[in-house]
Amino acid sequence: MPLSTRRRRGPESFRCRHCGLDVSLDAPGTAHRNHCPTCLWSRHVDDVPGDRAADCGASMEPIAISVRGDGEWVLVHRCTGCHEVHLNRSAGDDNPLALVRIAVRPLALTPFPLEWLGRL
């Protein structure tokens, strides 16, 4: 094939830095796969979703779930290097148990003893 007709293609997958899974960049429900569907960890590669312009490159921990007005779940990631926080759309193949574990974390780790609720 002549050089002029070859298309330069980027990688079609990445290896998760947290759990080691080989992850396809194709993700149902989002155009820019940026996190592992198994452990939900990410890597700080974007300044704006899909631009791959961030210089940091550190791992990003999933710390919370936010729910948009239309009911879509969004992962909240905090960079372990520069501590920047990003919101990332969940993907259709994300591990539902991992998503729920993050969503209920505030109930499991309350800032006060649960017994205090009985005193109200």
N, C-alpha and C. Protein backbone atom coordinates (compact mmCIF):
# COMPACT_ATOMS: atom_id res chain seq x y z
N MET A 1 0.85 -1.17 0.00
CA MET A 1 0.00 0.00 0.00
C MET A 1 0.89 1.24 0.00
N PRO A 2 0.67 2.20 -0.87
CA PRO A 2 1.48 3.42 -0.90
C PRO A 2 1.35 4.20 0.40
N LEU A 3 2.41 4.90 0.77
CA LEU A 3 2.40 5.67 2.00
C LEU A 3 1.26 6.67 2.05
N SER A 4 0.91 7.28 0.93
CA SER A 4 -0.11 8.32 0.92
C SER A 4 -1.50 7.78 1.26
N THR A 5 -1.74 6.47 1.07
CA THR A 5 -3.06 5.93 1.36
C THR A 5 -3.12 5.19 2.70
N ARG A 6 -2.01 5.04 3.40
CA ARG A 6 -2.03 4.41 4.72
C ARG A 6 -2.57 5.38 5.75
N ARG A 7 -3.38 4.86 6.63
CA ARG A 7 -3.88 5.68 7.73
C ARG A 7 -3.08 5.33 8.97
N ARG A 8 -2.63 6.34 9.66
CA ARG A 8 -1.94 6.11 10.93
C ARG A 8 -2.99 5.84 11.99
N ARG A 9 -2.88 4.70 12.64
CA ARG A 9 -3.84 4.32 13.66
C ARG A 9 -3.16 4.31 15.02
N GLY A 10 -3.90 4.74 16.00
CA GLY A 10 -3.40 4.70 17.36
C GLY A 10 -3.65 3.34 17.96
N PRO A 11 -3.35 3.18 19.23
CA PRO A 11 -3.59 1.90 19.89
C PRO A 11 -5.08 1.61 19.97
N GLU A 12 -5.43 0.33 19.96
CA GLU A 12 -6.83 -0.07 20.06
C GLU A 12 -7.19 -0.54 21.46
N SER A 13 -6.19 -0.57 22.35
CA SER A 13 -6.44 -0.97 23.73
C SER A 13 -5.37 -0.35 24.62
N PHE A 14 -5.58 -0.47 25.92
CA PHE A 14 -4.57 -0.05 26.90
C PHE A 14 -4.59 -1.03 28.05
N ARG A 15 -3.50 -1.09 28.79
CA ARG A 15 -3.42 -1.95 29.97
C ARG A 15 -3.69 -1.10 31.21
N CYS A 16 -4.65 -1.54 32.02
CA CYS A 16 -4.99 -0.82 33.24
C CYS A 16 -3.80 -0.86 34.19
N ARG A 17 -3.41 0.30 34.68
CA ARG A 17 -2.29 0.39 35.63
C ARG A 17 -2.65 -0.15 37.00
N HIS A 18 -3.94 -0.21 37.30
CA HIS A 18 -4.36 -0.63 38.63
C HIS A 18 -4.54 -2.15 38.73
N CYS A 19 -5.28 -2.74 37.79
CA CYS A 19 -5.56 -4.18 37.88
C CYS A 19 -4.88 -5.01 36.78
N GLY A 20 -4.28 -4.37 35.78
CA GLY A 20 -3.55 -5.08 34.74
C GLY A 20 -4.38 -5.61 33.59
N LEU A 21 -5.68 -5.33 33.56
CA LEU A 21 -6.54 -5.81 32.49
C LEU A 21 -6.21 -5.10 31.17
N ASP A 22 -6.21 -5.85 30.06
CA ASP A 22 -6.12 -5.24 28.74
C ASP A 22 -7.51 -4.77 28.36
N VAL A 23 -7.66 -3.46 28.15
CA VAL A 23 -8.96 -2.83 27.95
C VAL A 23 -9.07 -2.30 26.53
N SER A 24 -10.14 -2.69 25.84
CA SER A 24 -10.42 -2.18 24.50
C SER A 24 -10.84 -0.72 24.60
N LEU A 25 -10.45 0.09 23.61
CA LEU A 25 -10.87 1.49 23.60
C LEU A 25 -12.33 1.65 23.19
N ASP A 26 -12.91 0.61 22.61
CA ASP A 26 -14.34 0.64 22.27
C ASP A 26 -15.14 0.47 23.54
N ALA A 27 -16.04 1.41 23.81
CA ALA A 27 -16.84 1.35 25.02
C ALA A 27 -18.28 1.70 24.70
N PRO A 28 -19.22 0.84 25.04
CA PRO A 28 -20.62 1.17 24.79
C PRO A 28 -21.07 2.37 25.64
N GLY A 29 -21.66 3.35 24.99
CA GLY A 29 -22.19 4.51 25.70
C GLY A 29 -21.27 5.71 25.79
N THR A 30 -20.05 5.59 25.31
CA THR A 30 -19.13 6.73 25.36
C THR A 30 -18.16 6.67 24.19
N ALA A 31 -17.76 7.82 23.70
CA ALA A 31 -16.86 7.88 22.55
C ALA A 31 -15.39 7.86 22.97
N HIS A 32 -15.11 8.13 24.23
CA HIS A 32 -13.71 8.24 24.68
C HIS A 32 -13.49 7.37 25.91
N ARG A 33 -13.16 6.10 25.69
CA ARG A 33 -12.89 5.19 26.82
C ARG A 33 -11.70 5.74 27.59
N ASN A 34 -11.86 5.95 28.87
CA ASN A 34 -10.77 6.49 29.66
C ASN A 34 -10.60 5.80 31.00
N HIS A 35 -11.34 4.70 31.21
CA HIS A 35 -11.19 3.99 32.48
C HIS A 35 -11.40 2.50 32.26
N CYS A 36 -10.89 1.74 33.19
CA CYS A 36 -11.01 0.29 33.16
C CYS A 36 -12.43 -0.11 33.56
N PRO A 37 -13.10 -0.95 32.79
CA PRO A 37 -14.46 -1.34 33.14
C PRO A 37 -14.53 -2.29 34.34
N THR A 38 -13.42 -2.86 34.73
CA THR A 38 -13.40 -3.80 35.85
C THR A 38 -13.18 -3.10 37.19
N CYS A 39 -12.10 -2.32 37.30
CA CYS A 39 -11.78 -1.67 38.58
C CYS A 39 -12.15 -0.18 38.59
N LEU A 40 -12.48 0.37 37.43
CA LEU A 40 -12.93 1.75 37.24
C LEU A 40 -11.83 2.80 37.40
N TRP A 41 -10.58 2.38 37.59
CA TRP A 41 -9.48 3.33 37.66
C TRP A 41 -9.20 3.87 36.26
N SER A 42 -8.59 5.03 36.21
CA SER A 42 -8.30 5.69 34.96
C SER A 42 -6.85 6.18 34.97
N ARG A 43 -6.49 6.92 33.95
CA ARG A 43 -5.17 7.55 33.87
C ARG A 43 -5.37 8.98 33.42
N HIS A 44 -4.64 9.90 33.98
CA HIS A 44 -4.79 11.32 33.68
C HIS A 44 -4.13 11.62 32.33
N VAL A 45 -4.92 11.47 31.27
CA VAL A 45 -4.40 11.72 29.91
C VAL A 45 -5.12 12.86 29.21
N ASP A 46 -6.30 13.28 29.70
CA ASP A 46 -7.08 14.32 29.04
C ASP A 46 -7.17 15.58 29.90
N ASP A 47 -7.12 16.73 29.22
CA ASP A 47 -7.51 17.99 29.86
C ASP A 47 -9.02 18.19 29.62
N VAL A 48 -9.43 17.91 28.39
CA VAL A 48 -10.83 17.93 27.96
C VAL A 48 -11.10 16.53 27.41
N PRO A 49 -12.27 15.93 27.68
CA PRO A 49 -12.50 14.56 27.24
C PRO A 49 -12.10 14.31 25.78
N GLY A 50 -11.20 13.34 25.62
CA GLY A 50 -10.77 12.91 24.29
C GLY A 50 -9.58 13.64 23.70
N ASP A 51 -9.08 14.70 24.37
CA ASP A 51 -7.99 15.47 23.74
C ASP A 51 -6.61 14.86 23.94
N ARG A 52 -6.45 13.98 24.93
CA ARG A 52 -5.18 13.31 25.24
C ARG A 52 -4.03 14.33 25.38
N ALA A 53 -4.33 15.49 25.98
CA ALA A 53 -3.36 16.58 26.07
C ALA A 53 -2.78 16.79 27.47
N ALA A 54 -3.21 16.02 28.46
CA ALA A 54 -2.70 16.21 29.82
C ALA A 54 -1.25 15.74 29.92
N ASP A 55 -0.45 16.50 30.65
CA ASP A 55 0.96 16.16 30.84
C ASP A 55 1.20 15.25 32.04
N CYS A 56 0.23 15.16 32.94
CA CYS A 56 0.42 14.45 34.21
C CYS A 56 0.66 12.95 34.00
N GLY A 57 -0.31 12.24 33.48
CA GLY A 57 -0.18 10.80 33.22
C GLY A 57 -0.29 9.89 34.43
N ALA A 58 -0.60 10.44 35.61
CA ALA A 58 -0.71 9.61 36.82
C ALA A 58 -2.04 8.84 36.81
N SER A 59 -2.15 7.87 37.70
CA SER A 59 -3.39 7.11 37.85
C SER A 59 -4.46 7.99 38.48
N MET A 60 -5.72 7.70 38.10
CA MET A 60 -6.85 8.44 38.65
C MET A 60 -7.77 7.46 39.37
N GLU A 61 -7.99 7.72 40.65
CA GLU A 61 -8.81 6.85 41.50
C GLU A 61 -10.28 7.21 41.38
N PRO A 62 -11.15 6.21 41.21
CA PRO A 62 -12.57 6.51 41.24
C PRO A 62 -12.99 6.76 42.69
N ILE A 63 -13.49 7.97 42.97
CA ILE A 63 -13.78 8.32 44.37
C ILE A 63 -15.27 8.49 44.66
N ALA A 64 -16.09 8.65 43.60
CA ALA A 64 -17.52 8.87 43.85
C ALA A 64 -18.29 8.65 42.55
N ILE A 65 -19.60 8.64 42.70
CA ILE A 65 -20.54 8.57 41.59
C ILE A 65 -21.41 9.81 41.67
N SER A 66 -21.66 10.43 40.53
CA SER A 66 -22.61 11.52 40.44
C SER A 66 -23.68 11.08 39.45
N VAL A 67 -24.90 11.54 39.64
CA VAL A 67 -25.98 11.18 38.74
C VAL A 67 -26.50 12.44 38.07
N ARG A 68 -26.49 12.43 36.74
CA ARG A 68 -27.00 13.57 35.98
C ARG A 68 -28.51 13.59 36.01
N GLY A 69 -29.10 14.70 35.60
CA GLY A 69 -30.54 14.87 35.60
C GLY A 69 -31.29 13.81 34.81
N ASP A 70 -30.64 13.27 33.77
CA ASP A 70 -31.30 12.24 32.95
C ASP A 70 -31.10 10.83 33.52
N GLY A 71 -30.46 10.73 34.69
CA GLY A 71 -30.24 9.44 35.33
C GLY A 71 -28.92 8.78 34.99
N GLU A 72 -28.13 9.38 34.09
CA GLU A 72 -26.83 8.79 33.72
C GLU A 72 -25.86 8.89 34.89
N TRP A 73 -25.18 7.76 35.16
CA TRP A 73 -24.16 7.75 36.21
C TRP A 73 -22.84 8.24 35.64
N VAL A 74 -22.16 9.07 36.43
CA VAL A 74 -20.88 9.65 36.03
C VAL A 74 -19.87 9.33 37.12
N LEU A 75 -18.71 8.83 36.71
CA LEU A 75 -17.64 8.54 37.67
C LEU A 75 -16.88 9.82 38.00
N VAL A 76 -16.56 9.99 39.27
CA VAL A 76 -15.72 11.10 39.71
C VAL A 76 -14.35 10.50 39.99
N HIS A 77 -13.34 10.97 39.26
CA HIS A 77 -11.96 10.50 39.43
C HIS A 77 -11.10 11.61 40.00
N ARG A 78 -10.20 11.25 40.92
CA ARG A 78 -9.20 12.20 41.44
C ARG A 78 -7.82 11.67 41.08
N CYS A 79 -7.00 12.52 40.49
CA CYS A 79 -5.66 12.15 40.07
C CYS A 79 -4.77 11.94 41.29
N THR A 80 -4.06 10.82 41.31
CA THR A 80 -3.16 10.53 42.43
C THR A 80 -1.87 11.33 42.34
N GLY A 81 -1.63 11.97 41.19
CA GLY A 81 -0.43 12.78 41.02
C GLY A 81 -0.66 14.25 41.33
N CYS A 82 -1.57 14.89 40.59
CA CYS A 82 -1.79 16.33 40.73
C CYS A 82 -3.09 16.67 41.46
N HIS A 83 -3.88 15.66 41.83
CA HIS A 83 -5.12 15.79 42.61
C HIS A 83 -6.26 16.49 41.86
N GLU A 84 -6.13 16.65 40.55
CA GLU A 84 -7.21 17.22 39.75
C GLU A 84 -8.39 16.24 39.75
N VAL A 85 -9.59 16.77 39.71
CA VAL A 85 -10.81 15.96 39.71
C VAL A 85 -11.46 16.06 38.34
N HIS A 86 -11.85 14.91 37.78
CA HIS A 86 -12.53 14.85 36.48
C HIS A 86 -13.81 14.04 36.61
N LEU A 87 -14.80 14.42 35.83
CA LEU A 87 -16.03 13.64 35.70
C LEU A 87 -15.95 12.86 34.40
N ASN A 88 -16.27 11.56 34.47
CA ASN A 88 -16.18 10.69 33.31
C ASN A 88 -17.45 9.86 33.19
N ARG A 89 -18.04 9.86 31.99
CA ARG A 89 -19.24 9.07 31.77
C ARG A 89 -18.98 7.60 32.07
N SER A 90 -19.93 6.96 32.70
CA SER A 90 -19.81 5.51 32.87
C SER A 90 -20.06 4.87 31.51
N ALA A 91 -19.55 3.67 31.33
CA ALA A 91 -19.72 2.95 30.07
C ALA A 91 -20.64 1.76 30.30
N GLY A 92 -21.26 1.29 29.24
CA GLY A 92 -22.22 0.21 29.34
C GLY A 92 -21.65 -1.10 29.83
N ASP A 93 -20.31 -1.27 29.74
CA ASP A 93 -19.70 -2.52 30.19
C ASP A 93 -18.98 -2.37 31.52
N ASP A 94 -19.20 -1.26 32.23
CA ASP A 94 -18.58 -1.09 33.55
C ASP A 94 -19.15 -2.11 34.53
N ASN A 95 -18.29 -2.56 35.43
CA ASN A 95 -18.65 -3.54 36.44
C ASN A 95 -19.72 -2.95 37.37
N PRO A 96 -20.96 -3.48 37.33
CA PRO A 96 -22.02 -2.89 38.14
C PRO A 96 -21.74 -2.97 39.65
N LEU A 97 -21.11 -4.05 40.10
CA LEU A 97 -20.79 -4.16 41.53
C LEU A 97 -19.79 -3.07 41.95
N ALA A 98 -18.78 -2.82 41.12
CA ALA A 98 -17.80 -1.77 41.43
C ALA A 98 -18.47 -0.40 41.46
N LEU A 99 -19.40 -0.16 40.53
CA LEU A 99 -20.12 1.12 40.51
C LEU A 99 -20.94 1.30 41.79
N VAL A 100 -21.66 0.26 42.19
CA VAL A 100 -22.51 0.35 43.38
C VAL A 100 -21.65 0.50 44.64
N ARG A 101 -20.52 -0.19 44.69
CA ARG A 101 -19.62 -0.06 45.86
C ARG A 101 -19.17 1.38 46.05
N ILE A 102 -18.87 2.06 44.93
CA ILE A 102 -18.46 3.47 45.03
C ILE A 102 -19.65 4.34 45.42
N ALA A 103 -20.82 4.04 44.85
CA ALA A 103 -22.01 4.86 45.12
C ALA A 103 -22.43 4.79 46.59
N VAL A 104 -22.28 3.63 47.23
CA VAL A 104 -22.74 3.49 48.63
C VAL A 104 -21.63 3.80 49.64
N ARG A 105 -20.44 4.07 49.17
CA ARG A 105 -19.32 4.35 50.09
C ARG A 105 -19.66 5.41 51.14
N PRO A 106 -20.33 6.51 50.78
CA PRO A 106 -20.66 7.50 51.83
C PRO A 106 -21.57 6.94 52.93
N LEU A 107 -22.40 5.95 52.61
CA LEU A 107 -23.26 5.34 53.62
C LEU A 107 -22.48 4.40 54.53
N ALA A 108 -21.44 3.78 53.98
CA ALA A 108 -20.62 2.84 54.75
C ALA A 108 -19.58 3.56 55.60
N LEU A 109 -19.18 4.73 55.18
CA LEU A 109 -18.14 5.49 55.88
C LEU A 109 -18.70 6.84 56.32
N THR A 110 -19.71 6.80 57.17
CA THR A 110 -20.36 8.04 57.58
C THR A 110 -19.42 8.88 58.45
N PRO A 111 -19.59 10.21 58.41
CA PRO A 111 -18.73 11.09 59.22
C PRO A 111 -19.18 11.16 60.67
N PHE A 112 -20.18 10.36 61.03
CA PHE A 112 -20.70 10.33 62.41
C PHE A 112 -21.21 8.92 62.69
N PRO A 113 -21.34 8.53 63.94
CA PRO A 113 -21.89 7.20 64.26
C PRO A 113 -23.35 7.10 63.83
N LEU A 114 -23.73 6.00 63.20
CA LEU A 114 -25.10 5.83 62.73
C LEU A 114 -26.12 5.85 63.87
N GLU A 115 -25.68 5.51 65.07
CA GLU A 115 -26.59 5.52 66.23
C GLU A 115 -27.16 6.92 66.47
N TRP A 116 -26.44 7.95 66.06
CA TRP A 116 -26.92 9.31 66.27
C TRP A 116 -28.23 9.56 65.52
N LEU A 117 -28.48 8.81 64.45
CA LEU A 117 -29.72 9.03 63.69
C LEU A 117 -30.94 8.69 64.54
N GLY A 118 -30.81 7.74 65.44
CA GLY A 118 -31.92 7.37 66.33
C GLY A 118 -32.27 8.44 67.33
N ARG A 119 -31.35 9.37 67.59
CA ARG A 119 -31.59 10.43 68.57
C ARG A 119 -32.31 11.62 67.97
N LEU A 120 -32.47 11.64 66.68
CA LEU A 120 -33.10 12.81 66.05
C LEU A 120 -34.56 12.84 66.22
